[in-house]
Protein backbone atom coordinates (compact mmCIF):
# COMPACT_ATOMS: atom_id res chain seq x y z
CA MET A 1 107.38 -111.03 -152.48
CA THR A 2 108.15 -114.69 -151.78
CA VAL A 3 110.59 -116.77 -153.78
CA GLU A 4 108.77 -118.39 -156.67
CA LEU A 5 109.61 -121.69 -158.36
CA LEU A 6 109.59 -120.96 -162.10
CA LYS A 7 110.82 -124.19 -163.69
CA SER A 8 112.14 -127.59 -162.68
CA ILE A 9 113.51 -130.46 -164.76
CA ASP A 10 114.85 -133.94 -164.06
CA VAL A 11 118.35 -134.63 -165.32
CA MET A 12 120.76 -137.52 -165.62
CA SER A 13 124.48 -136.83 -165.56
CA ALA A 14 126.85 -138.35 -168.09
CA ASP A 15 128.31 -140.51 -165.32
CA GLY A 16 124.89 -141.89 -164.36
CA LEU A 17 123.75 -139.78 -161.42
CA ALA A 18 120.11 -138.74 -161.23
CA GLY A 19 119.42 -135.12 -160.46
CA ARG A 20 117.10 -132.17 -160.72
CA VAL A 21 117.43 -128.50 -161.64
CA TRP A 22 115.20 -125.80 -160.15
CA LEU A 23 114.96 -122.28 -161.52
CA TYR A 24 113.61 -119.92 -158.86
CA SER A 25 112.83 -116.26 -159.14
CA ASP A 26 116.08 -115.53 -157.27
CA SER A 27 118.48 -118.40 -158.03
CA LEU A 28 119.32 -121.62 -159.85
CA ARG A 29 119.66 -124.74 -157.70
CA ILE A 30 121.08 -128.04 -158.91
CA HIS A 31 121.10 -131.47 -157.26
CA VAL A 32 123.10 -134.27 -158.88
CA GLY A 33 123.35 -137.41 -156.77
CA LYS A 34 124.35 -136.10 -153.33
CA GLU A 35 125.90 -132.94 -154.73
CA VAL A 36 124.21 -129.54 -154.43
CA TYR A 37 124.98 -126.28 -156.22
CA VAL A 38 123.30 -122.89 -155.74
CA TYR A 39 123.97 -119.91 -158.01
CA ASP A 40 122.57 -116.41 -158.16
CA LEU A 41 120.97 -115.28 -161.42
CA GLU A 42 124.23 -113.71 -162.62
CA GLY A 43 125.96 -117.09 -162.38
CA ARG A 44 127.89 -116.49 -159.14
CA PRO A 45 128.27 -119.60 -156.95
CA ILE A 46 126.80 -119.24 -153.47
CA PHE A 47 126.89 -122.82 -152.11
CA ILE A 48 128.83 -125.77 -153.53
CA TYR A 49 128.46 -129.17 -151.86
CA PHE A 50 130.30 -132.29 -152.99
CA ASN A 51 132.28 -135.12 -151.38
CA ASP A 52 130.46 -134.33 -148.09
CA ARG A 53 132.06 -130.87 -148.06
CA LEU A 54 130.12 -127.59 -148.14
CA PHE A 55 131.83 -124.55 -149.58
CA VAL A 56 130.27 -121.11 -149.15
CA ARG A 57 131.53 -118.35 -151.44
CA GLY A 58 131.06 -114.65 -150.76
CA LEU A 59 130.84 -111.79 -153.24
CA SER A 60 134.29 -110.84 -151.97
CA GLY A 61 135.69 -114.07 -153.45
CA GLU A 62 136.32 -115.57 -150.02
CA PHE A 63 135.50 -119.24 -149.45
CA VAL A 64 134.68 -120.99 -146.18
CA GLU A 65 134.36 -124.76 -145.85
CA LYS A 66 131.82 -125.95 -143.28
CA LYS A 67 130.94 -129.35 -141.91
CA TRP A 68 128.97 -130.48 -138.86
CA LEU A 69 131.05 -132.82 -136.71
CA SER A 70 128.45 -133.26 -133.97
CA VAL A 71 125.17 -131.70 -132.91
CA ARG A 72 125.50 -132.28 -129.17
CA PRO A 73 127.77 -130.70 -128.24
CA PRO A 74 127.61 -128.46 -131.33
CA ARG A 75 130.86 -128.87 -133.22
CA ARG A 76 131.58 -127.69 -136.72
CA PHE A 77 134.66 -127.89 -138.85
CA LEU A 78 135.33 -124.43 -140.29
CA ARG A 79 138.13 -123.53 -142.64
CA ARG A 80 138.77 -120.34 -144.57
CA LEU A 81 140.36 -121.24 -147.87
CA ARG A 82 143.69 -119.51 -148.51
CA SER A 83 144.92 -121.35 -151.59
CA GLU A 84 143.93 -119.80 -154.92
CA ASP A 85 144.57 -123.17 -156.58
CA GLU A 86 142.07 -124.85 -154.27
CA LYS A 87 139.43 -122.20 -154.97
CA ARG A 88 140.00 -122.60 -158.71
CA ARG A 89 139.67 -126.39 -158.50
CA ILE A 90 136.34 -126.09 -156.66
CA ILE A 91 134.92 -123.75 -159.31
CA GLU A 92 136.24 -125.96 -162.11
CA TYR A 93 134.76 -129.08 -160.52
CA ALA A 94 131.37 -127.38 -160.22
CA HIS A 95 131.54 -126.38 -163.90
CA TRP A 96 132.53 -129.92 -164.85
CA ARG A 97 129.57 -131.32 -162.94
CA LEU A 98 127.20 -128.88 -164.62
CA GLY A 99 128.68 -129.93 -167.96
CA THR A 100 127.72 -133.54 -167.29
CA ILE A 101 123.99 -132.64 -167.32
CA LEU A 102 123.98 -130.11 -170.18
CA ASN A 103 122.47 -132.53 -172.69
CA ASN A 104 119.33 -132.76 -170.51
CA ILE A 105 118.77 -129.01 -170.28
CA GLU A 106 116.52 -127.83 -173.08
CA ASP A 107 114.52 -125.16 -171.29
CA TYR A 108 115.56 -121.71 -172.59
CA ASP A 109 115.22 -119.86 -169.26
CA ILE A 110 117.37 -122.40 -167.43
CA GLN A 111 119.88 -122.46 -170.29
CA GLU A 112 120.23 -118.68 -170.03
CA VAL A 113 121.33 -118.87 -166.38
CA VAL A 114 123.57 -121.88 -167.10
CA GLU A 115 125.35 -119.88 -169.79
CA LYS A 116 126.01 -117.13 -167.25
CA ILE A 117 127.43 -119.73 -164.84
CA PHE A 118 129.87 -120.97 -167.46
CA ARG A 119 130.90 -117.42 -168.30
CA MET A 120 131.66 -116.92 -164.61
CA ASN A 121 134.76 -119.09 -164.67
CA TYR A 122 137.37 -118.73 -161.94
CA TRP A 123 139.15 -115.81 -163.56
CA ARG A 124 135.92 -113.92 -164.29
CA LEU A 125 134.89 -114.48 -160.69
CA GLU A 126 138.20 -112.97 -159.57
CA VAL A 127 137.51 -109.90 -161.71
CA ASP A 128 134.02 -109.77 -160.18
CA ALA A 129 135.48 -109.94 -156.65
CA ASP A 130 137.88 -107.13 -157.52
CA LYS A 131 134.88 -104.98 -158.53
CA PHE A 132 133.30 -105.82 -155.17
CA ARG A 133 136.39 -104.58 -153.33
CA ARG A 134 136.28 -101.28 -155.22
CA ILE A 135 132.65 -100.70 -154.19
CA TYR A 136 132.83 -101.82 -150.56
CA LEU A 137 135.13 -101.41 -147.65
CA PRO A 138 135.48 -104.90 -146.13
CA ILE A 139 132.22 -106.23 -144.71
CA SER A 140 133.75 -107.28 -141.42
CA ILE A 141 130.87 -109.16 -139.79
CA LEU A 142 127.12 -109.70 -139.95
CA PRO A 143 124.65 -111.49 -137.67
CA PRO A 144 124.09 -115.06 -138.92
CA ASP A 145 120.50 -114.39 -140.00
CA GLN A 146 121.80 -111.60 -142.27
CA TYR A 147 124.43 -113.50 -144.28
CA LEU A 148 122.35 -113.30 -147.48
CA SER A 149 121.25 -109.71 -146.97
CA LEU A 150 122.05 -106.86 -149.31
CA VAL A 151 124.66 -104.97 -147.32
CA LEU A 152 124.95 -101.22 -147.81
CA GLN A 153 127.41 -98.94 -146.00
CA PRO A 154 125.86 -95.58 -145.04
CA VAL A 155 128.13 -95.49 -141.98
CA ILE A 156 131.80 -96.38 -142.20
CA GLY A 157 133.53 -98.02 -139.26
CA CYS A 158 132.63 -97.89 -135.57
CA PRO A 159 132.00 -94.68 -133.59
CA TYR A 160 133.57 -96.27 -130.48
CA ASN A 161 136.10 -98.79 -131.85
CA LYS A 162 137.82 -99.39 -128.50
CA CYS A 163 136.42 -102.75 -127.35
CA SER A 164 139.38 -104.89 -126.36
CA PHE A 165 138.06 -108.07 -128.02
CA CYS A 166 137.06 -106.52 -131.38
CA THR A 167 139.39 -105.72 -134.28
CA PHE A 168 136.77 -105.57 -137.03
CA TYR A 169 136.95 -101.85 -137.77
CA ARG A 170 140.51 -100.88 -136.81
CA ASP A 171 141.34 -100.50 -140.52
CA ARG A 172 139.06 -97.47 -141.12
CA LYS A 173 138.21 -94.09 -139.71
CA PHE A 174 134.63 -93.60 -138.58
CA ARG A 175 132.45 -91.37 -140.72
CA ILE A 176 128.86 -90.98 -141.88
CA ARG A 177 128.19 -90.74 -145.61
CA ASN A 178 126.16 -87.84 -146.93
CA VAL A 179 123.02 -88.44 -148.99
CA ASP A 180 124.65 -87.97 -152.40
CA GLU A 181 127.57 -90.26 -151.56
CA PHE A 182 125.24 -92.93 -150.24
CA ARG A 183 123.03 -92.77 -153.33
CA GLU A 184 126.08 -93.26 -155.54
CA HIS A 185 127.14 -96.22 -153.37
CA VAL A 186 123.71 -97.88 -153.65
CA MET A 187 123.67 -97.40 -157.43
CA MET A 188 127.13 -98.98 -157.73
CA VAL A 189 126.02 -101.95 -155.61
CA ARG A 190 122.86 -102.37 -157.69
CA ASP A 191 124.79 -102.30 -160.97
CA PHE A 192 127.43 -104.69 -159.64
CA LEU A 193 124.94 -107.32 -158.43
CA GLY A 194 122.68 -107.23 -161.49
CA ALA A 195 120.08 -109.98 -161.33
CA GLY A 196 121.94 -111.44 -158.35
CA ILE A 197 120.31 -108.78 -156.21
CA LYS A 198 117.09 -110.82 -156.22
CA MET A 199 118.68 -113.32 -153.86
CA ARG A 200 119.17 -110.64 -151.21
CA ARG A 201 115.80 -109.62 -149.79
CA LYS A 202 116.87 -107.96 -146.54
CA ILE A 203 118.79 -104.69 -146.40
CA PHE A 204 121.55 -104.54 -143.79
CA LEU A 205 122.77 -101.01 -143.03
CA ALA A 206 126.45 -101.35 -142.09
CA ASP A 207 128.96 -100.85 -140.53
CA ALA A 208 129.02 -101.13 -136.72
CA ASN A 209 126.26 -98.69 -135.75
CA ALA A 210 124.17 -97.19 -138.55
CA LEU A 211 121.65 -95.89 -136.01
CA ILE A 212 124.14 -93.33 -134.78
CA ALA A 213 123.19 -91.24 -137.84
CA ASN A 214 120.43 -88.75 -137.14
CA THR A 215 116.92 -90.00 -137.82
CA ASP A 216 116.23 -87.69 -140.75
CA LEU A 217 119.37 -88.97 -142.45
CA LEU A 218 118.40 -92.61 -141.78
CA VAL A 219 114.99 -91.97 -143.32
CA SER A 220 116.75 -90.48 -146.37
CA TYR A 221 118.96 -93.58 -146.62
CA MET A 222 115.90 -95.85 -146.58
CA ASP A 223 114.13 -93.73 -149.20
CA ILE A 224 117.21 -93.89 -151.43
CA VAL A 225 117.34 -97.68 -151.17
CA ARG A 226 113.68 -98.04 -152.14
CA ASP A 227 114.17 -95.58 -154.99
CA VAL A 228 117.33 -97.18 -156.42
CA ILE A 229 116.74 -100.88 -155.77
CA ASP A 230 114.13 -101.66 -158.38
CA HIS A 231 112.60 -104.88 -157.09
CA ASP A 232 109.71 -105.52 -154.76
CA ASN A 233 111.04 -108.27 -152.53
CA ILE A 234 112.82 -106.09 -149.95
CA LYS A 235 111.77 -107.50 -146.59
CA GLY A 236 112.95 -104.68 -144.39
CA PHE A 237 116.02 -102.98 -142.92
CA TYR A 238 118.40 -104.30 -140.25
CA ALA A 239 121.44 -102.85 -138.46
CA PHE A 240 123.86 -103.11 -135.57
CA THR A 241 123.60 -100.51 -132.82
CA ASP A 242 124.95 -99.97 -129.33
CA TYR A 243 123.35 -98.84 -126.09
CA PHE A 244 125.85 -96.26 -124.84
CA HIS A 245 125.78 -93.58 -127.53
CA ARG A 246 122.85 -91.19 -127.89
CA LYS A 247 119.62 -93.18 -127.92
CA LYS A 248 116.79 -92.56 -130.34
CA SER A 249 113.52 -91.43 -128.82
CA LEU A 250 110.44 -93.62 -128.99
CA ASP A 251 108.95 -91.39 -131.67
CA GLU A 252 112.14 -91.61 -133.75
CA LEU A 253 112.18 -95.39 -133.47
CA ARG A 254 108.53 -95.61 -134.47
CA GLU A 255 109.30 -93.51 -137.53
CA LEU A 256 112.14 -95.86 -138.45
CA ARG A 257 109.87 -98.85 -137.89
CA ASP A 258 107.28 -97.33 -140.22
CA ARG A 259 110.04 -96.92 -142.83
CA GLY A 260 110.87 -100.62 -142.56
CA LEU A 261 113.39 -101.10 -139.73
CA LYS A 262 112.71 -104.66 -138.59
CA ARG A 263 115.52 -105.63 -136.20
CA VAL A 264 118.60 -104.18 -134.53
CA TYR A 265 121.49 -106.14 -133.05
CA ILE A 266 123.02 -105.05 -129.75
CA GLY A 267 126.30 -106.37 -128.38
CA LEU A 268 125.52 -106.75 -124.69
CA GLU A 269 128.54 -109.10 -124.32
CA SER A 270 128.02 -109.44 -120.55
CA GLY A 271 125.76 -108.32 -117.74
CA SER A 272 128.79 -107.95 -115.47
CA GLU A 273 130.28 -104.46 -115.13
CA LYS A 274 133.62 -106.00 -114.20
CA VAL A 275 133.68 -108.13 -117.35
CA LEU A 276 132.68 -105.11 -119.42
CA GLU A 277 135.64 -103.27 -117.90
CA ILE A 278 137.94 -106.03 -119.13
CA LEU A 279 136.28 -105.82 -122.54
CA ASN A 280 136.79 -102.04 -122.44
CA LYS A 281 133.13 -101.62 -123.24
CA PRO A 282 131.07 -98.77 -121.75
CA GLY A 283 128.26 -99.64 -119.40
CA PRO A 284 126.40 -100.03 -117.22
CA PRO A 285 124.50 -102.94 -118.83
CA ASP A 286 121.22 -101.60 -117.42
CA MET A 287 121.42 -99.09 -120.29
CA ALA A 288 121.02 -102.01 -122.71
CA VAL A 289 117.79 -102.99 -120.92
CA GLU A 290 116.46 -99.44 -121.27
CA TYR A 291 117.23 -99.36 -125.00
CA VAL A 292 115.77 -102.80 -125.68
CA ASN A 293 112.59 -101.63 -123.96
CA LEU A 294 112.45 -98.65 -126.29
CA PHE A 295 112.91 -100.81 -129.38
CA LYS A 296 110.25 -103.25 -128.29
CA ASP A 297 107.83 -100.44 -127.45
CA ALA A 298 108.44 -99.11 -130.97
CA GLY A 299 107.67 -102.50 -132.53
CA ILE A 300 111.27 -103.23 -133.56
CA ASN A 301 112.74 -106.66 -132.86
CA VAL A 302 116.19 -107.12 -131.36
CA GLY A 303 119.13 -109.48 -131.47
CA VAL A 304 121.19 -109.52 -128.26
CA ILE A 305 124.76 -110.80 -128.48
CA ILE A 306 126.48 -112.44 -125.49
CA LEU A 307 130.23 -113.07 -125.52
CA ILE A 308 130.82 -116.58 -124.21
CA GLY A 309 134.13 -116.97 -122.39
CA ALA A 310 134.50 -113.27 -121.60
CA GLY A 311 136.37 -112.84 -118.33
CA GLY A 312 137.76 -116.37 -118.44
CA ARG A 313 137.48 -118.86 -115.59
CA GLU A 314 138.09 -116.14 -113.02
CA TYR A 315 134.82 -114.36 -113.87
CA TYR A 316 132.85 -117.38 -115.06
CA LYS A 317 130.13 -117.27 -112.37
CA GLU A 318 129.83 -113.48 -112.35
CA HIS A 319 129.55 -113.39 -116.14
CA VAL A 320 126.84 -116.08 -116.10
CA ASN A 321 124.83 -114.74 -113.16
CA GLU A 322 124.88 -111.07 -114.14
CA THR A 323 124.17 -111.83 -117.80
CA ILE A 324 121.14 -113.95 -116.85
CA LYS A 325 119.95 -111.11 -114.62
CA ILE A 326 120.20 -108.49 -117.39
CA ILE A 327 118.71 -110.69 -120.15
CA ASN A 328 115.75 -111.62 -117.95
CA MET A 329 115.03 -107.92 -117.48
CA MET A 330 114.55 -107.51 -121.23
CA PRO A 331 111.04 -107.89 -122.71
CA LEU A 332 112.19 -110.38 -125.35
CA ASP A 333 109.79 -112.65 -127.22
CA LYS A 334 109.78 -115.20 -130.05
CA ARG A 335 110.52 -112.49 -132.63
CA ASP A 336 113.88 -111.78 -130.98
CA ILE A 337 117.21 -113.62 -130.98
CA ILE A 338 119.82 -114.20 -128.30
CA TYR A 339 123.15 -114.97 -129.94
CA MET A 340 125.87 -116.84 -128.06
CA SER A 341 129.20 -115.81 -129.60
CA ARG A 342 132.28 -117.67 -128.40
CA LEU A 343 135.22 -115.38 -127.65
CA LYS A 344 137.91 -115.60 -130.34
CA VAL A 345 141.07 -113.78 -129.29
CA ARG A 346 143.06 -112.55 -132.29
CA GLU A 347 146.81 -112.00 -132.11
CA GLU A 348 146.35 -108.25 -132.53
CA SER A 349 143.49 -108.03 -130.03
CA PRO A 350 144.06 -105.85 -126.93
CA TYR A 351 142.08 -108.47 -124.98
CA ARG A 352 145.12 -110.73 -125.19
CA TYR A 353 147.16 -108.25 -123.16
CA LEU A 354 144.33 -107.33 -120.79
CA SER A 355 143.80 -111.01 -120.00
CA LEU A 356 147.41 -111.10 -118.76
CA LYS A 357 146.86 -107.93 -116.71
CA TYR A 358 143.77 -109.42 -115.04
CA GLY A 359 145.30 -112.91 -114.78
CA LEU A 360 142.56 -114.53 -116.87
CA THR A 361 142.48 -118.18 -117.87
CA SER A 362 140.72 -118.87 -121.17
CA LEU A 363 137.80 -121.28 -121.18
CA SER A 364 138.12 -124.57 -123.03
CA MET A 365 135.55 -125.46 -125.67
CA GLY A 366 133.82 -127.74 -123.17
CA GLU A 367 133.71 -124.98 -120.57
CA MET A 368 132.17 -122.66 -123.15
CA ASP A 369 129.54 -125.32 -123.86
CA ARG A 370 128.75 -125.40 -120.16
CA GLN A 371 128.62 -121.62 -119.92
CA ILE A 372 126.09 -121.46 -122.75
CA SER A 373 124.04 -124.14 -121.01
CA ASP A 374 124.28 -122.32 -117.67
CA ILE A 375 123.04 -119.05 -119.18
CA VAL A 376 120.22 -120.67 -121.14
CA SER A 377 119.04 -122.65 -118.12
CA GLY A 378 118.77 -119.42 -116.14
CA LEU A 379 116.54 -117.61 -118.63
CA SER A 380 112.96 -117.22 -117.48
CA PHE A 381 110.96 -116.54 -120.64
CA ASP A 382 107.61 -118.12 -121.34
CA LYS A 383 108.41 -121.23 -123.39
CA LYS A 384 105.64 -120.52 -125.90
CA ASN A 385 106.93 -117.00 -126.54
CA ALA A 386 110.63 -117.35 -125.80
CA PRO A 387 113.31 -115.69 -127.95
CA ILE A 388 115.39 -117.85 -130.26
CA VAL A 389 118.76 -118.84 -128.80
CA ALA A 390 121.46 -119.52 -131.40
CA GLU A 391 125.23 -119.71 -131.71
CA TYR A 392 127.15 -117.04 -133.57
CA ASP A 393 130.53 -118.20 -134.92
CA ILE A 394 132.42 -115.27 -136.42
CA ASP A 395 134.79 -117.65 -138.25
CA GLU A 396 132.06 -118.89 -140.59
CA PHE A 397 131.25 -115.48 -142.01
CA VAL A 398 131.87 -114.47 -145.62
CA TYR A 399 130.11 -111.81 -147.66
């Protein structure tokens, strides 16, 4: 099911700005002057743009401010809001702006959503975010094309959880939910989101490697989702996986494809075995090529993640050359994505200490730009059928 435009009306704000309101089958979108506001159908703000500042709010209550500083080289200002007062002022400003166009809104269906927006004041949104935190363990990270997915957690944590650069799942013990527990989880998510679920048309099976569950269990998870989520605009299932645990067979992958698995995301990080050693990630990377071949043979698309800056200046050339070699061995096409993720070293990250052990020098932002360019220039895919290449900034993520 595609998103349908249901109603649209022209408005004029009390302070003289022309605008327009669109009611879609999944959201309410408002333009007033240069300002833009997007809400789900329960009245939760998703995007708020005013004074040349874009604020993205997650169901968790987290806010990130984003702004493009330049396109070439790609530079964005990113800031995670910490101040509760600042978050409250943003919500209150958005409500004030909506109040300036209320006299122009006579359509009942639009009014109904607007009333929900006003009920979702800052304090109600905080209560809503608290409900979210009781239903979910933290959603640590998603691929950028999955930020508006419906995330469900059949698998908790990471079965490996030893990569030196990653601290996403250190706060939880790995386990796989049974069928009854997962069904209860999906029902709680459905009830929490209400009509807001219509904005989330992809299903992302979290956490770090849902495909480690046996295939029969994964099929049961998918059947539960289709049984519990009572809307017809689900566009498929997506998940992270790795290449060094037990691989699914081709027949298993085809069964998952037939059940709706559309894409998996694999953290290759590097084609260099030496860099993988520093990252404390199992290899060899040829195993990733084998698994990508299996997925593609099964008709499942892939997202391959490369860690830009891994190995520092000391392993710059090896990281570039070996990564190009491995990526070019993969049968990727225009349905696939290669994500370039710049290394962000957290204070608590073991990579910080390993970089001292190996005598690594971190790359500057400009050197990372060049490394991305060097890798991309070495890829040998047919231009008409080449995979998408995109950046993946973990700092911009909220859910």
